[in-house]
Amino acid sequence: MSTLTLTDVARSQGVTPRHADRVVRRPSTAVLWRRRAVAVLGLVLIAFALTVAIGRVGAEAELADKVAGHVVVQPGESLWEVAAATAPEGVDTRRHLDDLVRLNGFDSSQVEAWTVVLLPAR
């Protein structure tokens, strides 16, 4: 029975005996691609999480000064009715409706039932 030496293994892999101590098994191409994909995915997730966290902090601070509360649109209720019911005393309903549309980013005064409508602070 013969014993394989480090020199024999090196020769079988095409390495000269004097570099036998440097023989290292390289991972397969599939393993390398998998590692790279996991690393890139991890970096993308970290970047996304940071972007969301920074954006939420900025948005919350910005909205805190502009929002006084919220209302949920009931079935059959129009945004005009919401504006009329929530307009502060002395504020024209049309102006309040415009403020609601602008604050909430609506394209028109038509909204679906159960939509949360932010109310502007005065």
PDB file of N, CA and C in Angstrom:
ATOM      1  N   MET A   1       0.829  -1.159   0.000  1.00  0.00           N
ATOM      2  CA  MET A   1       0.000   0.000   0.000  1.00  0.00           C
ATOM      3  C   MET A   1       0.886   1.239   0.000  1.00  0.00           C
ATOM      4  N   SER A   2       0.606   2.162  -0.917  1.00  0.00           N
ATOM      5  CA  SER A   2       1.452   3.346  -1.016  1.00  0.00           C
ATOM      6  C   SER A   2       0.750   4.544  -0.390  1.00  0.00           C
ATOM      7  N   THR A   3       1.544   5.430   0.131  1.00  0.00           N
ATOM      8  CA  THR A   3       1.027   6.644   0.751  1.00  0.00           C
ATOM      9  C   THR A   3       1.298   7.808  -0.186  1.00  0.00           C
ATOM     10  N   LEU A   4       0.254   8.641  -0.383  1.00  0.00           N
ATOM     11  CA  LEU A   4       0.430   9.822  -1.226  1.00  0.00           C
ATOM     12  C   LEU A   4       1.071  10.931  -0.413  1.00  0.00           C
ATOM     13  N   THR A   5       2.042  11.531  -0.996  1.00  0.00           N
ATOM     14  CA  THR A   5       2.677  12.663  -0.342  1.00  0.00           C
ATOM     15  C   THR A   5       2.141  13.944  -0.952  1.00  0.00           C
ATOM     16  N   LEU A   6       2.472  15.033  -0.331  1.00  0.00           N
ATOM     17  CA  LEU A   6       2.060  16.336  -0.840  1.00  0.00           C
ATOM     18  C   LEU A   6       2.662  16.581  -2.214  1.00  0.00           C
ATOM     19  N   THR A   7       3.864  16.072  -2.457  1.00  0.00           N
ATOM     20  CA  THR A   7       4.516  16.209  -3.753  1.00  0.00           C
ATOM     21  C   THR A   7       3.752  15.445  -4.822  1.00  0.00           C
ATOM     22  N   ASP A   8       3.264  14.240  -4.510  1.00  0.00           N
ATOM     23  CA  ASP A   8       2.499  13.446  -5.471  1.00  0.00           C
ATOM     24  C   ASP A   8       1.190  14.155  -5.846  1.00  0.00           C
ATOM     25  N   VAL A   9       0.532  14.710  -4.852  1.00  0.00           N
ATOM     26  CA  VAL A   9      -0.719  15.439  -5.115  1.00  0.00           C
ATOM     27  C   VAL A   9      -0.434  16.656  -5.976  1.00  0.00           C
ATOM     28  N   ALA A  10       0.656  17.353  -5.690  1.00  0.00           N
ATOM     29  CA  ALA A  10       1.004  18.538  -6.462  1.00  0.00           C
ATOM     30  C   ALA A  10       1.277  18.169  -7.914  1.00  0.00           C
ATOM     31  N   ARG A  11       2.007  17.089  -8.142  1.00  0.00           N
ATOM     32  CA  ARG A  11       2.302  16.669  -9.513  1.00  0.00           C
ATOM     33  C   ARG A  11       1.023  16.288 -10.255  1.00  0.00           C
ATOM     34  N   SER A  12       0.076  15.651  -9.561  1.00  0.00           N
ATOM     35  CA  SER A  12      -1.164  15.248 -10.228  1.00  0.00           C
ATOM     36  C   SER A  12      -2.004  16.467 -10.630  1.00  0.00           C
ATOM     37  N   GLN A  13      -1.789  17.595  -9.943  1.00  0.00           N
ATOM     38  CA  GLN A  13      -2.531  18.807 -10.283  1.00  0.00           C
ATOM     39  C   GLN A  13      -1.715  19.752 -11.165  1.00  0.00           C
ATOM     40  N   GLY A  14      -0.566  19.313 -11.607  1.00  0.00           N
ATOM     41  CA  GLY A  14       0.236  20.108 -12.529  1.00  0.00           C
ATOM     42  C   GLY A  14       1.065  21.188 -11.875  1.00  0.00           C
ATOM     43  N   VAL A  15       1.397  21.009 -10.611  1.00  0.00           N
ATOM     44  CA  VAL A  15       2.203  21.991  -9.895  1.00  0.00           C
ATOM     45  C   VAL A  15       3.570  21.377  -9.654  1.00  0.00           C
ATOM     46  N   THR A  16       4.593  22.190  -9.812  1.00  0.00           N
ATOM     47  CA  THR A  16       5.948  21.677  -9.581  1.00  0.00           C
ATOM     48  C   THR A  16       6.130  21.375  -8.092  1.00  0.00           C
ATOM     49  N   PRO A  17       6.956  20.377  -7.780  1.00  0.00           N
ATOM     50  CA  PRO A  17       7.132  19.963  -6.383  1.00  0.00           C
ATOM     51  C   PRO A  17       7.597  21.073  -5.455  1.00  0.00           C
ATOM     52  N   ARG A  18       8.386  22.010  -5.956  1.00  0.00           N
ATOM     53  CA  ARG A  18       8.860  23.049  -5.040  1.00  0.00           C
ATOM     54  C   ARG A  18       7.736  23.986  -4.586  1.00  0.00           C
ATOM     55  N   HIS A  19       6.591  23.994  -5.308  1.00  0.00           N
ATOM     56  CA  HIS A  19       5.429  24.797  -4.908  1.00  0.00           C
ATOM     57  C   HIS A  19       4.328  23.924  -4.324  1.00  0.00           C
ATOM     58  N   ALA A  20       4.689  22.722  -3.903  1.00  0.00           N
ATOM     59  CA  ALA A  20       3.695  21.765  -3.404  1.00  0.00           C
ATOM     60  C   ALA A  20       2.981  22.291  -2.164  1.00  0.00           C
ATOM     61  N   ASP A  21       3.656  23.099  -1.345  1.00  0.00           N
ATOM     62  CA  ASP A  21       3.025  23.603  -0.137  1.00  0.00           C
ATOM     63  C   ASP A  21       2.003  24.703  -0.432  1.00  0.00           C
ATOM     64  N   ARG A  22       1.935  25.181  -1.676  1.00  0.00           N
ATOM     65  CA  ARG A  22       0.996  26.245  -2.056  1.00  0.00           C
ATOM     66  C   ARG A  22      -0.255  25.720  -2.751  1.00  0.00           C
ATOM     67  N   VAL A  23      -0.385  24.426  -2.858  1.00  0.00           N
ATOM     68  CA  VAL A  23      -1.533  23.848  -3.556  1.00  0.00           C
ATOM     69  C   VAL A  23      -2.787  24.097  -2.726  1.00  0.00           C
ATOM     70  N   VAL A  24      -3.757  24.747  -3.336  1.00  0.00           N
ATOM     71  CA  VAL A  24      -5.014  25.063  -2.664  1.00  0.00           C
ATOM     72  C   VAL A  24      -6.135  24.666  -3.601  1.00  0.00           C
ATOM     73  N   ARG A  25      -7.112  24.006  -3.073  1.00  0.00           N
ATOM     74  CA  ARG A  25      -8.261  23.641  -3.899  1.00  0.00           C
ATOM     75  C   ARG A  25      -9.118  24.875  -4.098  1.00  0.00           C
ATOM     76  N   ARG A  26      -9.404  25.186  -5.337  1.00  0.00           N
ATOM     77  CA  ARG A  26     -10.249  26.343  -5.651  1.00  0.00           C
ATOM     78  C   ARG A  26     -11.704  25.903  -5.701  1.00  0.00           C
ATOM     79  N   PRO A  27     -12.596  26.730  -5.206  1.00  0.00           N
ATOM     80  CA  PRO A  27     -14.014  26.399  -5.300  1.00  0.00           C
ATOM     81  C   PRO A  27     -14.456  26.394  -6.763  1.00  0.00           C
ATOM     82  N   SER A  28     -15.498  25.645  -7.028  1.00  0.00           N
ATOM     83  CA  SER A  28     -15.987  25.572  -8.405  1.00  0.00           C
ATOM     84  C   SER A  28     -16.578  26.919  -8.822  1.00  0.00           C
ATOM     85  N   THR A  29     -16.751  27.081 -10.113  1.00  0.00           N
ATOM     86  CA  THR A  29     -17.307  28.321 -10.656  1.00  0.00           C
ATOM     87  C   THR A  29     -18.707  28.570 -10.119  1.00  0.00           C
ATOM     88  N   ALA A  30     -19.502  27.516  -9.990  1.00  0.00           N
ATOM     89  CA  ALA A  30     -20.867  27.671  -9.466  1.00  0.00           C
ATOM     90  C   ALA A  30     -20.850  28.190  -8.031  1.00  0.00           C
ATOM     91  N   VAL A  31     -19.919  27.692  -7.227  1.00  0.00           N
ATOM     92  CA  VAL A  31     -19.826  28.137  -5.841  1.00  0.00           C
ATOM     93  C   VAL A  31     -19.424  29.607  -5.787  1.00  0.00           C
ATOM     94  N   LEU A  32     -18.469  29.992  -6.633  1.00  0.00           N
ATOM     95  CA  LEU A  32     -18.042  31.395  -6.664  1.00  0.00           C
ATOM     96  C   LEU A  32     -19.188  32.315  -7.085  1.00  0.00           C
ATOM     97  N   TRP A  33     -19.940  31.928  -8.089  1.00  0.00           N
ATOM     98  CA  TRP A  33     -21.076  32.746  -8.543  1.00  0.00           C
ATOM     99  C   TRP A  33     -22.139  32.845  -7.459  1.00  0.00           C
ATOM    100  N   ARG A  34     -22.381  31.744  -6.763  1.00  0.00           N
ATOM    101  CA  ARG A  34     -23.369  31.751  -5.686  1.00  0.00           C
ATOM    102  C   ARG A  34     -22.928  32.701  -4.573  1.00  0.00           C
ATOM    103  N   ARG A  35     -21.645  32.659  -4.216  1.00  0.00           N
ATOM    104  CA  ARG A  35     -21.128  33.561  -3.176  1.00  0.00           C
ATOM    105  C   ARG A  35     -21.254  35.021  -3.594  1.00  0.00           C
ATOM    106  N   ARG A  36     -20.912  35.299  -4.849  1.00  0.00           N
ATOM    107  CA  ARG A  36     -21.025  36.676  -5.341  1.00  0.00           C
ATOM    108  C   ARG A  36     -22.474  37.143  -5.336  1.00  0.00           C
ATOM    109  N   ALA A  37     -23.382  36.268  -5.765  1.00  0.00           N
ATOM    110  CA  ALA A  37     -24.802  36.623  -5.806  1.00  0.00           C
ATOM    111  C   ALA A  37     -25.328  36.920  -4.405  1.00  0.00           C
ATOM    112  N   VAL A  38     -24.943  36.101  -3.432  1.00  0.00           N
ATOM    113  CA  VAL A  38     -25.380  36.324  -2.049  1.00  0.00           C
ATOM    114  C   VAL A  38     -24.812  37.643  -1.528  1.00  0.00           C
ATOM    115  N   ALA A  39     -23.551  37.920  -1.829  1.00  0.00           N
ATOM    116  CA  ALA A  39     -22.929  39.169  -1.372  1.00  0.00           C
ATOM    117  C   ALA A  39     -23.615  40.384  -1.992  1.00  0.00           C
ATOM    118  N   VAL A  40     -23.869  40.326  -3.293  1.00  0.00           N
ATOM    119  CA  VAL A  40     -24.531  41.450  -3.967  1.00  0.00           C
ATOM    120  C   VAL A  40     -25.946  41.624  -3.431  1.00  0.00           C
ATOM    121  N   LEU A  41     -26.668  40.537  -3.266  1.00  0.00           N
ATOM    122  CA  LEU A  41     -28.025  40.610  -2.725  1.00  0.00           C
ATOM    123  C   LEU A  41     -28.012  41.211  -1.323  1.00  0.00           C
ATOM    124  N   GLY A  42     -27.062  40.816  -0.509  1.00  0.00           N
ATOM    125  CA  GLY A  42     -26.947  41.387   0.833  1.00  0.00           C
ATOM    126  C   GLY A  42     -26.688  42.882   0.807  1.00  0.00           C
ATOM    127  N   LEU A  43     -25.796  43.318  -0.076  1.00  0.00           N
ATOM    128  CA  LEU A  43     -25.515  44.758  -0.193  1.00  0.00           C
ATOM    129  C   LEU A  43     -26.734  45.528  -0.684  1.00  0.00           C
ATOM    130  N   VAL A  44     -27.464  44.951  -1.640  1.00  0.00           N
ATOM    131  CA  VAL A  44     -28.667  45.609  -2.153  1.00  0.00           C
ATOM    132  C   VAL A  44     -29.716  45.733  -1.048  1.00  0.00           C
ATOM    133  N   LEU A  45     -29.897  44.683  -0.262  1.00  0.00           N
ATOM    134  CA  LEU A  45     -30.867  44.732   0.833  1.00  0.00           C
ATOM    135  C   LEU A  45     -30.475  45.762   1.894  1.00  0.00           C
ATOM    136  N   ILE A  46     -29.210  45.837   2.203  1.00  0.00           N
ATOM    137  CA  ILE A  46     -28.746  46.831   3.177  1.00  0.00           C
ATOM    138  C   ILE A  46     -28.968  48.241   2.642  1.00  0.00           C
ATOM    139  N   ALA A  47     -28.639  48.469   1.371  1.00  0.00           N
ATOM    140  CA  ALA A  47     -28.843  49.787   0.772  1.00  0.00           C
ATOM    141  C   ALA A  47     -30.330  50.147   0.753  1.00  0.00           C
ATOM    142  N   PHE A  48     -31.178  49.181   0.419  1.00  0.00           N
ATOM    143  CA  PHE A  48     -32.619  49.429   0.392  1.00  0.00           C
ATOM    144  C   PHE A  48     -33.135  49.774   1.785  1.00  0.00           C
ATOM    145  N   ALA A  49     -32.703  49.020   2.782  1.00  0.00           N
ATOM    146  CA  ALA A  49     -33.146  49.275   4.152  1.00  0.00           C
ATOM    147  C   ALA A  49     -32.724  50.667   4.622  1.00  0.00           C
ATOM    148  N   LEU A  50     -31.499  51.056   4.313  1.00  0.00           N
ATOM    149  CA  LEU A  50     -31.035  52.397   4.688  1.00  0.00           C
ATOM    150  C   LEU A  50     -31.821  53.479   3.976  1.00  0.00           C
ATOM    151  N   THR A  51     -32.103  53.267   2.685  1.00  0.00           N
ATOM    152  CA  THR A  51     -32.869  54.252   1.920  1.00  0.00           C
ATOM    153  C   THR A  51     -34.274  54.411   2.498  1.00  0.00           C
ATOM    154  N   VAL A  52     -34.908  53.303   2.817  1.00  0.00           N
ATOM    155  CA  VAL A  52     -36.256  53.356   3.395  1.00  0.00           C
ATOM    156  C   VAL A  52     -36.222  54.040   4.751  1.00  0.00           C
ATOM    157  N   ALA A  53     -35.254  53.691   5.581  1.00  0.00           N
ATOM    158  CA  ALA A  53     -35.170  54.279   6.923  1.00  0.00           C
ATOM    159  C   ALA A  53     -34.944  55.786   6.845  1.00  0.00           C
ATOM    160  N   ILE A  54     -34.037  56.209   5.993  1.00  0.00           N
ATOM    161  CA  ILE A  54     -33.750  57.640   5.858  1.00  0.00           C
ATOM    162  C   ILE A  54     -34.958  58.366   5.272  1.00  0.00           C
ATOM    163  N   GLY A  55     -35.597  57.755   4.278  1.00  0.00           N
ATOM    164  CA  GLY A  55     -36.764  58.368   3.655  1.00  0.00           C
ATOM    165  C   GLY A  55     -37.926  58.502   4.617  1.00  0.00           C
ATOM    166  N   ARG A  56     -38.139  57.489   5.458  1.00  0.00           N
ATOM    167  CA  ARG A  56     -39.251  57.546   6.412  1.00  0.00           C
ATOM    168  C   ARG A  56     -39.022  58.628   7.452  1.00  0.00           C
ATOM    169  N   VAL A  57     -37.792  58.757   7.917  1.00  0.00           N
ATOM    170  CA  VAL A  57     -37.503  59.778   8.919  1.00  0.00           C
ATOM    171  C   VAL A  57     -37.768  61.158   8.335  1.00  0.00           C
ATOM    172  N   GLY A  58     -37.301  61.382   7.102  1.00  0.00           N
ATOM    173  CA  GLY A  58     -37.519  62.679   6.463  1.00  0.00           C
ATOM    174  C   GLY A  58     -38.983  62.934   6.167  1.00  0.00           C
ATOM    175  N   ALA A  59     -39.680  61.907   5.689  1.00  0.00           N
ATOM    176  CA  ALA A  59     -41.094  62.066   5.352  1.00  0.00           C
ATOM    177  C   ALA A  59     -41.934  62.288   6.601  1.00  0.00           C
ATOM    178  N   GLU A  60     -41.627  61.574   7.679  1.00  0.00           N
ATOM    179  CA  GLU A  60     -42.386  61.748   8.909  1.00  0.00           C
ATOM    180  C   GLU A  60     -42.192  63.145   9.477  1.00  0.00           C
ATOM    181  N   ALA A  61     -40.984  63.634   9.441  1.00  0.00           N
ATOM    182  CA  ALA A  61     -40.725  64.973   9.952  1.00  0.00           C
ATOM    183  C   ALA A  61     -41.431  66.018   9.104  1.00  0.00           C
ATOM    184  N   GLU A  62     -41.435  65.817   7.798  1.00  0.00           N
ATOM    185  CA  GLU A  62     -42.074  66.765   6.888  1.00  0.00           C
ATOM    186  C   GLU A  62     -43.588  66.724   7.045  1.00  0.00           C
ATOM    187  N   LEU A  63     -44.175  65.524   7.132  1.00  0.00           N
ATOM    188  CA  LEU A  63     -45.627  65.394   7.251  1.00  0.00           C
ATOM    189  C   LEU A  63     -46.138  65.806   8.625  1.00  0.00           C
ATOM    190  N   ALA A  64     -45.327  65.667   9.648  1.00  0.00           N
ATOM    191  CA  ALA A  64     -45.786  65.990  10.995  1.00  0.00           C
ATOM    192  C   ALA A  64     -46.252  67.437  11.089  1.00  0.00           C
ATOM    193  N   ASP A  65     -45.610  68.322  10.366  1.00  0.00           N
ATOM    194  CA  ASP A  65     -45.992  69.726  10.386  1.00  0.00           C
ATOM    195  C   ASP A  65     -47.213  70.007   9.524  1.00  0.00           C
ATOM    196  N   LYS A  66     -47.506  69.150   8.561  1.00  0.00           N
ATOM    197  CA  LYS A  66     -48.568  69.410   7.596  1.00  0.00           C
ATOM    198  C   LYS A  66     -49.862  68.660   7.870  1.00  0.00           C
ATOM    199  N   VAL A  67     -49.837  67.625   8.716  1.00  0.00           N
ATOM    200  CA  VAL A  67     -51.005  66.772   8.907  1.00  0.00           C
ATOM    201  C   VAL A  67     -51.598  66.976  10.290  1.00  0.00           C
ATOM    202  N   ALA A  68     -52.929  67.162  10.318  1.00  0.00           N
ATOM    203  CA  ALA A  68     -53.639  67.341  11.584  1.00  0.00           C
ATOM    204  C   ALA A  68     -54.368  66.070  12.005  1.00  0.00           C
ATOM    205  N   GLY A  69     -54.538  65.136  11.091  1.00  0.00           N
ATOM    206  CA  GLY A  69     -55.266  63.915  11.389  1.00  0.00           C
ATOM    207  C   GLY A  69     -55.590  63.189  10.100  1.00  0.00           C
ATOM    208  N   HIS A  70     -56.558  62.272  10.175  1.00  0.00           N
ATOM    209  CA  HIS A  70     -56.955  61.550   8.972  1.00  0.00           C
ATOM    210  C   HIS A  70     -58.418  61.140   9.068  1.00  0.00           C
ATOM    211  N   VAL A  71     -58.989  60.840   7.903  1.00  0.00           N
ATOM    212  CA  VAL A  71     -60.376  60.392   7.784  1.00  0.00           C
ATOM    213  C   VAL A  71     -60.385  59.248   6.790  1.00  0.00           C
ATOM    214  N   VAL A  72     -61.253  58.262   7.014  1.00  0.00           N
ATOM    215  CA  VAL A  72     -61.426  57.162   6.070  1.00  0.00           C
ATOM    216  C   VAL A  72     -62.705  57.406   5.283  1.00  0.00           C
ATOM    217  N   VAL A  73     -62.580  57.402   3.952  1.00  0.00           N
ATOM    218  CA  VAL A  73     -63.738  57.629   3.085  1.00  0.00           C
ATOM    219  C   VAL A  73     -64.659  56.420   3.174  1.00  0.00           C
ATOM    220  N   GLN A  74     -65.905  56.666   3.506  1.00  0.00           N
ATOM    221  CA  GLN A  74     -66.899  55.595   3.628  1.00  0.00           C
ATOM    222  C   GLN A  74     -67.515  55.290   2.261  1.00  0.00           C
ATOM    223  N   PRO A  75     -68.069  54.094   2.069  1.00  0.00           N
ATOM    224  CA  PRO A  75     -68.723  53.765   0.793  1.00  0.00           C
ATOM    225  C   PRO A  75     -69.830  54.780   0.471  1.00  0.00           C
ATOM    226  N   GLY A  76     -69.839  55.265  -0.753  1.00  0.00           N
ATOM    227  CA  GLY A  76     -70.831  56.236  -1.202  1.00  0.00           C
ATOM    228  C   GLY A  76     -70.488  57.669  -0.847  1.00  0.00           C
ATOM    229  N   GLU A  77     -69.400  57.891  -0.145  1.00  0.00           N
ATOM    230  CA  GLU A  77     -69.002  59.239   0.267  1.00  0.00           C
ATOM    231  C   GLU A  77     -68.015  59.811  -0.746  1.00  0.00           C
ATOM    232  N   SER A  78     -68.175  61.074  -1.069  1.00  0.00           N
ATOM    233  CA  SER A  78     -67.266  61.722  -2.015  1.00  0.00           C
ATOM    234  C   SER A  78     -66.226  62.524  -1.242  1.00  0.00           C
ATOM    235  N   LEU A  79     -65.193  62.912  -1.930  1.00  0.00           N
ATOM    236  CA  LEU A  79     -64.158  63.728  -1.304  1.00  0.00           C
ATOM    237  C   LEU A  79     -64.719  65.105  -0.950  1.00  0.00           C
ATOM    238  N   TRP A  80     -65.682  65.576  -1.716  1.00  0.00           N
ATOM    239  CA  TRP A  80     -66.336  66.857  -1.403  1.00  0.00           C
ATOM    240  C   TRP A  80     -67.015  66.770  -0.033  1.00  0.00           C
ATOM    241  N   GLU A  81     -67.690  65.654   0.221  1.00  0.00           N
ATOM    242  CA  GLU A  81     -68.356  65.485   1.511  1.00  0.00           C
ATOM    243  C   GLU A  81     -67.343  65.413   2.654  1.00  0.00           C
ATOM    244  N   VAL A  82     -66.220  64.773   2.395  1.00  0.00           N
ATOM    245  CA  VAL A  82     -65.150  64.725   3.398  1.00  0.00           C
ATOM    246  C   VAL A  82     -64.634  66.132   3.659  1.00  0.00           C
ATOM    247  N   ALA A  83     -64.418  66.891   2.591  1.00  0.00           N
ATOM    248  CA  ALA A  83     -63.918  68.262   2.735  1.00  0.00           C
ATOM    249  C   ALA A  83     -64.923  69.124   3.490  1.00  0.00           C
ATOM    250  N   ALA A  84     -66.190  68.990   3.181  1.00  0.00           N
ATOM    251  CA  ALA A  84     -67.227  69.791   3.851  1.00  0.00           C
ATOM    252  C   ALA A  84     -67.307  69.445   5.335  1.00  0.00           C
ATOM    253  N   ALA A  85     -67.146  68.153   5.657  1.00  0.00           N
ATOM    254  CA  ALA A  85     -67.259  67.722   7.055  1.00  0.00           C
ATOM    255  C   ALA A  85     -66.021  68.065   7.881  1.00  0.00           C
ATOM    256  N   THR A  86     -64.868  68.178   7.240  1.00  0.00           N
ATOM    257  CA  THR A  86     -63.621  68.376   7.990  1.00  0.00           C
ATOM    258  C   THR A  86     -63.024  69.770   7.852  1.00  0.00           C
ATOM    259  N   ALA A  87     -63.660  70.639   7.064  1.00  0.00           N
ATOM    260  CA  ALA A  87     -63.113  71.995   6.874  1.00  0.00           C
ATOM    261  C   ALA A  87     -63.170  72.765   8.190  1.00  0.00           C
ATOM    262  N   PRO A  88     -62.058  73.384   8.560  1.00  0.00           N
ATOM    263  CA  PRO A  88     -62.075  74.193   9.783  1.00  0.00           C
ATOM    264  C   PRO A  88     -63.053  75.366   9.632  1.00  0.00           C
ATOM    265  N   GLU A  89     -63.515  75.849  10.746  1.00  0.00           N
ATOM    266  CA  GLU A  89     -64.462  76.960  10.724  1.00  0.00           C
ATOM    267  C   GLU A  89     -63.831  78.175  10.051  1.00  0.00           C
ATOM    268  N   GLY A  90     -64.572  78.766   9.131  1.00  0.00           N
ATOM    269  CA  GLY A  90     -64.102  79.950   8.421  1.00  0.00           C
ATOM    270  C   GLY A  90     -63.305  79.637   7.158  1.00  0.00           C
ATOM    271  N   VAL A  91     -63.067  78.361   6.838  1.00  0.00           N
ATOM    272  CA  VAL A  91     -62.323  77.977   5.639  1.00  0.00           C
ATOM    273  C   VAL A  91     -63.313  77.496   4.585  1.00  0.00           C
ATOM    274  N   ASP A  92     -63.191  78.043   3.380  1.00  0.00           N
ATOM    275  CA  ASP A  92     -64.065  77.652   2.278  1.00  0.00           C
ATOM    276  C   ASP A  92     -63.853  76.177   1.946  1.00  0.00           C
ATOM    277  N   THR A  93     -64.956  75.466   1.679  1.00  0.00           N
ATOM    278  CA  THR A  93     -64.890  74.036   1.374  1.00  0.00           C
ATOM    279  C   THR A  93     -64.067  73.775   0.123  1.00  0.00           C
ATOM    280  N   ARG A  94     -64.164  74.654  -0.882  1.00  0.00           N
ATOM    281  CA  ARG A  94     -63.387  74.465  -2.119  1.00  0.00           C
ATOM    282  C   ARG A  94     -61.893  74.555  -1.847  1.00  0.00           C
ATOM    283  N   ARG A  95     -61.505  75.517  -1.019  1.00  0.00           N
ATOM    284  CA  ARG A  95     -60.079  75.657  -0.682  1.00  0.00           C
ATOM    285  C   ARG A  95     -59.606  74.440   0.113  1.00  0.00           C
ATOM    286  N   HIS A  96     -60.446  73.980   1.027  1.00  0.00           N
ATOM    287  CA  HIS A  96     -60.095  72.808   1.833  1.00  0.00           C
ATOM    288  C   HIS A  96     -59.977  71.563   0.947  1.00  0.00           C
ATOM    289  N   LEU A  97     -60.883  71.434  -0.036  1.00  0.00           N
ATOM    290  CA  LEU A  97     -60.823  70.313  -0.984  1.00  0.00           C
ATOM    291  C   LEU A  97     -59.519  70.356  -1.772  1.00  0.00           C
ATOM    292  N   ASP A  98     -59.133  71.532  -2.233  1.00  0.00           N
ATOM    293  CA  ASP A  98     -57.857  71.669  -2.955  1.00  0.00           C
ATOM    294  C   ASP A  98     -56.675  71.264  -2.067  1.00  0.00           C
ATOM    295  N   ASP A  99     -56.738  71.669  -0.795  1.00  0.00           N
ATOM    296  CA  ASP A  99     -55.663  71.294   0.138  1.00  0.00           C
ATOM    297  C   ASP A  99     -55.607  69.778   0.352  1.00  0.00           C
ATOM    298  N   LEU A 100     -56.797  69.143   0.443  1.00  0.00           N
ATOM    299  CA  LEU A 100     -56.847  67.684   0.601  1.00  0.00           C
ATOM    300  C   LEU A 100     -56.236  66.979  -0.606  1.00  0.00           C
ATOM    301  N   VAL A 101     -56.607  67.429  -1.800  1.00  0.00           N
ATOM    302  CA  VAL A 101     -56.100  66.814  -3.033  1.00  0.00           C
ATOM    303  C   VAL A 101     -54.590  66.981  -3.113  1.00  0.00           C
ATOM    304  N   ARG A 102     -54.090  68.162  -2.802  1.00  0.00           N
ATOM    305  CA  ARG A 102     -52.651  68.448  -2.891  1.00  0.00           C
ATOM    306  C   ARG A 102     -51.861  67.645  -1.839  1.00  0.00           C
ATOM    307  N   LEU A 103     -52.345  67.633  -0.596  1.00  0.00           N
ATOM    308  CA  LEU A 103     -51.636  66.947   0.477  1.00  0.00           C
ATOM    309  C   LEU A 103     -51.575  65.440   0.248  1.00  0.00           C
ATOM    310  N   ASN A 104     -52.653  64.868  -0.242  1.00  0.00           N
ATOM    311  CA  ASN A 104     -52.731  63.416  -0.433  1.00  0.00           C
ATOM    312  C   ASN A 104     -52.231  62.955  -1.790  1.00  0.00           C
ATOM    313  N   GLY A 105     -51.951  63.887  -2.697  1.00  0.00           N
ATOM    314  CA  GLY A 105     -51.431  63.519  -4.010  1.00  0.00           C
ATOM    315  C   GLY A 105     -52.461  62.863  -4.904  1.00  0.00           C
ATOM    316  N   PHE A 106     -53.739  63.199  -4.710  1.00  0.00           N
ATOM    317  CA  PHE A 106     -54.789  62.639  -5.564  1.00  0.00           C
ATOM    318  C   PHE A 106     -54.735  63.284  -6.937  1.00  0.00           C
ATOM    319  N   ASP A 107     -55.084  62.507  -7.981  1.00  0.00           N
ATOM    320  CA  ASP A 107     -55.135  63.038  -9.342  1.00  0.00           C
ATOM    321  C   ASP A 107     -56.424  63.819  -9.588  1.00  0.00           C
ATOM    322  N   SER A 108     -57.465  63.479  -8.858  1.00  0.00           N
ATOM    323  CA  SER A 108     -58.751  64.171  -9.005  1.00  0.00           C
ATOM    324  C   SER A 108     -59.461  64.128  -7.664  1.00  0.00           C
ATOM    325  N   SER A 109     -60.683  64.588  -7.652  1.00  0.00           N
ATOM    326  CA  SER A 109     -61.441  64.572  -6.407  1.00  0.00           C
ATOM    327  C   SER A 109     -62.196  63.260  -6.232  1.00  0.00           C
ATOM    328  N   GLN A 110     -61.998  62.296  -7.142  1.00  0.00           N
ATOM    329  CA  GLN A 110     -62.636  60.976  -7.044  1.00  0.00           C
ATOM    330  C   GLN A 110     -61.720  60.042  -6.258  1.00  0.00           C
ATOM    331  N   VAL A 111     -62.260  59.483  -5.182  1.00  0.00           N
ATOM    332  CA  VAL A 111     -61.505  58.516  -4.390  1.00  0.00           C
ATOM    333  C   VAL A 111     -62.381  57.301  -4.120  1.00  0.00           C
ATOM    334  N   GLU A 112     -61.750  56.171  -3.904  1.00  0.00           N
ATOM    335  CA  GLU A 112     -62.476  54.937  -3.620  1.00  0.00           C
ATOM    336  C   GLU A 112     -62.805  54.850  -2.139  1.00  0.00           C
ATOM    337  N   ALA A 113     -63.795  54.024  -1.826  1.00  0.00           N
ATOM    338  CA  ALA A 113     -64.165  53.801  -0.432  1.00  0.00           C
ATOM    339  C   ALA A 113     -62.985  53.209   0.323  1.00  0.00           C
ATOM    340  N   TRP A 114     -62.895  53.512   1.594  1.00  0.00           N
ATOM    341  CA  TRP A 114     -61.879  53.034   2.523  1.00  0.00           C
ATOM    342  C   TRP A 114     -60.507  53.657   2.286  1.00  0.00           C
ATOM    343  N   THR A 115     -60.455  54.705   1.477  1.00  0.00           N
ATOM    344  CA  THR A 115     -59.198  55.426   1.279  1.00  0.00           C
ATOM    345  C   THR A 115     -58.938  56.295   2.496  1.00  0.00           C
ATOM    346  N   VAL A 116     -57.721  56.261   3.004  1.00  0.00           N
ATOM    347  CA  VAL A 116     -57.350  57.118   4.127  1.00  0.00           C
ATOM    348  C   VAL A 116     -56.948  58.487   3.580  1.00  0.00           C
ATOM    349  N   VAL A 117     -57.614  59.518   4.056  1.00  0.00           N
ATOM    350  CA  VAL A 117     -57.360  60.881   3.595  1.00  0.00           C
ATOM    351  C   VAL A 117     -56.714  61.654   4.739  1.00  0.00           C
ATOM    352  N   LEU A 118     -55.520  62.172   4.501  1.00  0.00           N
ATOM    353  CA  LEU A 118     -54.836  62.986   5.499  1.00  0.00           C
ATOM    354  C   LEU A 118     -55.437  64.377   5.506  1.00  0.00           C
ATOM    355  N   LEU A 119     -55.631  64.940   6.695  1.00  0.00           N
ATOM    356  CA  LEU A 119     -56.215  66.272   6.825  1.00  0.00           C
ATOM    357  C   LEU A 119     -55.111  67.285   7.055  1.00  0.00           C
ATOM    358  N   PRO A 120     -55.138  68.394   6.312  1.00  0.00           N
ATOM    359  CA  PRO A 120     -54.072  69.390   6.462  1.00  0.00           C
ATOM    360  C   PRO A 120     -54.192  70.174   7.778  1.00  0.00           C
ATOM    361  N   ALA A 121     -53.040  70.507   8.335  1.00  0.00           N
ATOM    362  CA  ALA A 121     -53.001  71.329   9.541  1.00  0.00           C
ATOM    363  C   ALA A 121     -53.118  72.789   9.134  1.00  0.00           C
ATOM    364  N   ARG A 122     -53.702  73.572   9.968  1.00  0.00           N
ATOM    365  CA  ARG A 122     -53.866  75.022   9.694  1.00  0.00           C
ATOM    366  C   ARG A 122     -52.938  75.808  10.561  1.00  0.00           C
TER     367      ARG A 122
END
